[in-house]
């Protein structure tokens, strides 16, 4: 969870009312963080 700090530094979610606690938990609780990247060799499929 402490890796949320670099992500917050990069994206500045405080501008949207999302905060990071001293224990690196995201508030409000319903918030989610993810780092999604593209890879040219990735294979995609339909379910």
PDB file of N, CA and C in Angstrom:
ATOM      1  N   UNK A   1       0.804  -1.184   0.000  1.00  0.00           N
ATOM      2  CA  UNK A   1       0.000   0.000   0.000  1.00  0.00           C
ATOM      3  C   UNK A   1       0.854   1.257   0.000  1.00  0.00           C
ATOM      4  N   UNK A   2       2.079   1.153   0.481  1.00  0.00           N
ATOM      5  CA  UNK A   2       2.922   2.349   0.505  1.00  0.00           C
ATOM      6  C   UNK A   2       3.311   2.799  -0.897  1.00  0.00           C
ATOM      7  N   UNK A   3       3.106   1.931  -1.888  1.00  0.00           N
ATOM      8  CA  UNK A   3       3.362   2.348  -3.273  1.00  0.00           C
ATOM      9  C   UNK A   3       2.280   3.294  -3.787  1.00  0.00           C
ATOM     10  N   UNK A   4       1.240   3.512  -2.989  1.00  0.00           N
ATOM     11  CA  UNK A   4       0.239   4.513  -3.355  1.00  0.00           C
ATOM     12  C   UNK A   4       0.846   5.915  -3.344  1.00  0.00           C
ATOM     13  N   UNK A   5       1.868   6.144  -2.496  1.00  0.00           N
ATOM     14  CA  UNK A   5       2.459   7.484  -2.387  1.00  0.00           C
ATOM     15  C   UNK A   5       3.040   7.957  -3.723  1.00  0.00           C
ATOM     16  N   UNK A   6       3.908   7.189  -4.415  1.00  0.00           N
ATOM     17  CA  UNK A   6       4.425   7.661  -5.707  1.00  0.00           C
ATOM     18  C   UNK A   6       3.313   7.868  -6.737  1.00  0.00           C
ATOM     19  N   UNK A   7       2.300   7.024  -6.700  1.00  0.00           N
ATOM     20  CA  UNK A   7       1.181   7.169  -7.624  1.00  0.00           C
ATOM     21  C   UNK A   7       0.429   8.469  -7.341  1.00  0.00           C
ATOM     22  N   UNK A   8       0.222   8.774  -6.067  1.00  0.00           N
ATOM     23  CA  UNK A   8      -0.436  10.026  -5.702  1.00  0.00           C
ATOM     24  C   UNK A   8       0.413  11.224  -6.101  1.00  0.00           C
ATOM     25  N   UNK A   9       1.722  11.130  -5.922  1.00  0.00           N
ATOM     26  CA  UNK A   9       2.603  12.230  -6.313  1.00  0.00           C
ATOM     27  C   UNK A   9       2.526  12.492  -7.810  1.00  0.00           C
ATOM     28  N   UNK A  10       2.364  11.447  -8.581  1.00  0.00           N
ATOM     29  CA  UNK A  10       2.308  11.562 -10.035  1.00  0.00           C
ATOM     30  C   UNK A  10       0.965  12.109 -10.519  1.00  0.00           C
ATOM     31  N   UNK A  11      -0.132  11.599  -9.960  1.00  0.00           N
ATOM     32  CA  UNK A  11      -1.463  11.903 -10.497  1.00  0.00           C
ATOM     33  C   UNK A  11      -2.199  13.048  -9.803  1.00  0.00           C
ATOM     34  N   UNK A  12      -1.777  13.435  -8.605  1.00  0.00           N
ATOM     35  CA  UNK A  12      -2.400  14.531  -7.852  1.00  0.00           C
ATOM     36  C   UNK A  12      -3.907  14.341  -7.649  1.00  0.00           C
ATOM     37  N   UNK A  13      -4.355  13.195  -7.109  1.00  0.00           N
ATOM     38  CA  UNK A  13      -5.794  12.965  -6.938  1.00  0.00           C
ATOM     39  C   UNK A  13      -6.433  13.853  -5.867  1.00  0.00           C
ATOM     40  N   UNK A  14      -5.627  14.552  -5.074  1.00  0.00           N
ATOM     41  CA  UNK A  14      -6.181  15.468  -4.076  1.00  0.00           C
ATOM     42  C   UNK A  14      -7.052  16.531  -4.741  1.00  0.00           C
ATOM     43  N   UNK A  15      -6.742  16.832  -5.993  1.00  0.00           N
ATOM     44  CA  UNK A  15      -7.531  17.817  -6.738  1.00  0.00           C
ATOM     45  C   UNK A  15      -8.976  17.357  -6.908  1.00  0.00           C
ATOM     46  N   UNK A  16      -9.235  16.061  -6.753  1.00  0.00           N
ATOM     47  CA  UNK A  16     -10.574  15.499  -6.919  1.00  0.00           C
ATOM     48  C   UNK A  16     -11.167  15.040  -5.588  1.00  0.00           C
ATOM     49  N   UNK A  17     -10.521  15.403  -4.478  1.00  0.00           N
ATOM     50  CA  UNK A  17     -11.042  15.061  -3.162  1.00  0.00           C
ATOM     51  C   UNK A  17     -10.626  13.693  -2.651  1.00  0.00           C
ATOM     52  N   UNK A  18      -9.627  13.087  -3.275  1.00  0.00           N
ATOM     53  CA  UNK A  18      -9.143  11.780  -2.832  1.00  0.00           C
ATOM     54  C   UNK A  18      -7.868  12.004  -2.025  1.00  0.00           C
ATOM     55  N   UNK A  19      -7.809  11.404  -0.843  1.00  0.00           N
ATOM     56  CA  UNK A  19      -6.683  11.620   0.056  1.00  0.00           C
ATOM     57  C   UNK A  19      -6.019  10.304   0.426  1.00  0.00           C
ATOM     58  N   UNK A  20      -4.775  10.405   0.863  1.00  0.00           N
ATOM     59  CA  UNK A  20      -4.004   9.246   1.301  1.00  0.00           C
ATOM     60  C   UNK A  20      -3.701   9.416   2.783  1.00  0.00           C
ATOM     61  N   UNK A  21      -4.026   8.398   3.588  1.00  0.00           N
ATOM     62  CA  UNK A  21      -3.805   8.481   5.036  1.00  0.00           C
ATOM     63  C   UNK A  21      -2.335   8.225   5.363  1.00  0.00           C
ATOM     64  N   UNK A  22      -2.000   8.372   6.644  1.00  0.00           N
ATOM     65  CA  UNK A  22      -0.632   8.108   7.100  1.00  0.00           C
ATOM     66  C   UNK A  22      -0.245   6.651   6.887  1.00  0.00           C
ATOM     67  N   UNK A  23      -1.238   5.765   6.841  1.00  0.00           N
ATOM     68  CA  UNK A  23      -0.986   4.338   6.625  1.00  0.00           C
ATOM     69  C   UNK A  23      -1.175   3.959   5.161  1.00  0.00           C
ATOM     70  N   UNK A  24      -1.206   4.970   4.289  1.00  0.00           N
ATOM     71  CA  UNK A  24      -1.288   4.806   2.836  1.00  0.00           C
ATOM     72  C   UNK A  24      -2.620   4.239   2.349  1.00  0.00           C
ATOM     73  N   UNK A  25      -3.668   4.385   3.147  1.00  0.00           N
ATOM     74  CA  UNK A  25      -4.994   3.977   2.698  1.00  0.00           C
ATOM     75  C   UNK A  25      -5.646   5.140   1.965  1.00  0.00           C
ATOM     76  N   UNK A  26      -6.410   4.816   0.933  1.00  0.00           N
ATOM     77  CA  UNK A  26      -7.067   5.832   0.122  1.00  0.00           C
ATOM     78  C   UNK A  26      -8.431   6.150   0.727  1.00  0.00           C
ATOM     79  N   UNK A  27      -8.737   7.439   0.821  1.00  0.00           N
ATOM     80  CA  UNK A  27     -10.039   7.897   1.316  1.00  0.00           C
ATOM     81  C   UNK A  27     -10.658   8.809   0.275  1.00  0.00           C
ATOM     82  N   UNK A  28     -11.933   8.715  -0.054  1.00  0.00           N
ATOM     83  CA  UNK A  28     -12.926   7.856   0.565  1.00  0.00           C
ATOM     84  C   UNK A  28     -12.680   6.378   0.266  1.00  0.00           C
ATOM     85  N   UNK A  29     -13.239   5.512   1.114  1.00  0.00           N
ATOM     86  CA  UNK A  29     -12.988   4.070   1.036  1.00  0.00           C
ATOM     87  C   UNK A  29     -13.329   3.461  -0.312  1.00  0.00           C
ATOM     88  N   UNK A  30     -14.305   4.013  -1.005  1.00  0.00           N
ATOM     89  CA  UNK A  30     -14.747   3.435  -2.272  1.00  0.00           C
ATOM     90  C   UNK A  30     -13.765   3.701  -3.411  1.00  0.00           C
ATOM     91  N   UNK A  31     -12.713   4.444  -3.148  1.00  0.00           N
ATOM     92  CA  UNK A  31     -11.730   4.773  -4.185  1.00  0.00           C
ATOM     93  C   UNK A  31     -10.831   3.578  -4.478  1.00  0.00           C
ATOM     94  N   UNK A  32     -10.358   3.504  -5.705  1.00  0.00           N
ATOM     95  CA  UNK A  32      -9.480   2.422  -6.139  1.00  0.00           C
ATOM     96  C   UNK A  32      -8.337   3.016  -6.936  1.00  0.00           C
ATOM     97  N   UNK A  33      -7.156   2.447  -6.809  1.00  0.00           N
ATOM     98  CA  UNK A  33      -6.035   2.902  -7.629  1.00  0.00           C
ATOM     99  C   UNK A  33      -5.529   1.743  -8.475  1.00  0.00           C
ATOM    100  N   UNK A  34      -5.065   2.081  -9.662  1.00  0.00           N
ATOM    101  CA  UNK A  34      -4.503   1.075 -10.561  1.00  0.00           C
ATOM    102  C   UNK A  34      -3.575   1.773 -11.537  1.00  0.00           C
ATOM    103  N   UNK A  35      -2.550   1.079 -11.924  1.00  0.00           N
ATOM    104  CA  UNK A  35      -1.651   1.562 -12.957  1.00  0.00           C
ATOM    105  C   UNK A  35      -1.776   0.581 -14.112  1.00  0.00           C
ATOM    106  N   UNK A  36      -2.345   1.036 -15.208  1.00  0.00           N
ATOM    107  CA  UNK A  36      -2.614   0.174 -16.353  1.00  0.00           C
ATOM    108  C   UNK A  36      -1.678   0.590 -17.481  1.00  0.00           C
ATOM    109  N   UNK A  37      -0.968  -0.379 -18.038  1.00  0.00           N
ATOM    110  CA  UNK A  37      -0.027  -0.084 -19.114  1.00  0.00           C
ATOM    111  C   UNK A  37      -0.307  -0.971 -20.316  1.00  0.00           C
ATOM    112  N   UNK A  38       0.116  -0.507 -21.457  1.00  0.00           N
ATOM    113  CA  UNK A  38      -0.059  -1.221 -22.717  1.00  0.00           C
ATOM    114  C   UNK A  38       1.238  -1.939 -23.064  1.00  0.00           C
ATOM    115  N   UNK A  39       1.144  -3.142 -23.584  1.00  0.00           N
ATOM    116  CA  UNK A  39       2.313  -3.865 -24.076  1.00  0.00           C
ATOM    117  C   UNK A  39       2.007  -4.332 -25.490  1.00  0.00           C
ATOM    118  N   UNK A  40       2.868  -4.015 -26.457  1.00  0.00           N
ATOM    119  CA  UNK A  40       2.575  -4.343 -27.854  1.00  0.00           C
ATOM    120  C   UNK A  40       2.453  -5.842 -28.127  1.00  0.00           C
ATOM    121  N   UNK A  41       3.053  -6.684 -27.302  1.00  0.00           N
ATOM    122  CA  UNK A  41       2.967  -8.128 -27.518  1.00  0.00           C
ATOM    123  C   UNK A  41       1.825  -8.783 -26.737  1.00  0.00           C
ATOM    124  N   UNK A  42       1.008  -7.981 -26.069  1.00  0.00           N
ATOM    125  CA  UNK A  42      -0.087  -8.534 -25.273  1.00  0.00           C
ATOM    126  C   UNK A  42      -1.144  -9.154 -26.180  1.00  0.00           C
ATOM    127  N   UNK A  43      -1.777 -10.203 -25.680  1.00  0.00           N
ATOM    128  CA  UNK A  43      -2.865 -10.865 -26.398  1.00  0.00           C
ATOM    129  C   UNK A  43      -4.167 -10.556 -25.675  1.00  0.00           C
ATOM    130  N   UNK A  44      -5.131 -10.056 -26.412  1.00  0.00           N
ATOM    131  CA  UNK A  44      -6.420  -9.711 -25.831  1.00  0.00           C
ATOM    132  C   UNK A  44      -7.468 -10.693 -26.312  1.00  0.00           C
ATOM    133  N   UNK A  45      -8.459 -10.934 -25.496  1.00  0.00           N
ATOM    134  CA  UNK A  45      -9.498 -11.893 -25.854  1.00  0.00           C
ATOM    135  C   UNK A  45     -10.849 -11.393 -25.348  1.00  0.00           C
ATOM    136  N   UNK A  46     -11.904 -11.878 -25.954  1.00  0.00           N
ATOM    137  CA  UNK A  46     -13.268 -11.559 -25.530  1.00  0.00           C
ATOM    138  C   UNK A  46     -13.801 -12.688 -24.676  1.00  0.00           C
ATOM    139  N   UNK A  47     -14.552 -12.333 -23.671  1.00  0.00           N
ATOM    140  CA  UNK A  47     -15.146 -13.346 -22.794  1.00  0.00           C
ATOM    141  C   UNK A  47     -16.597 -13.528 -23.170  1.00  0.00           C
TER     142      UNK A  47
END
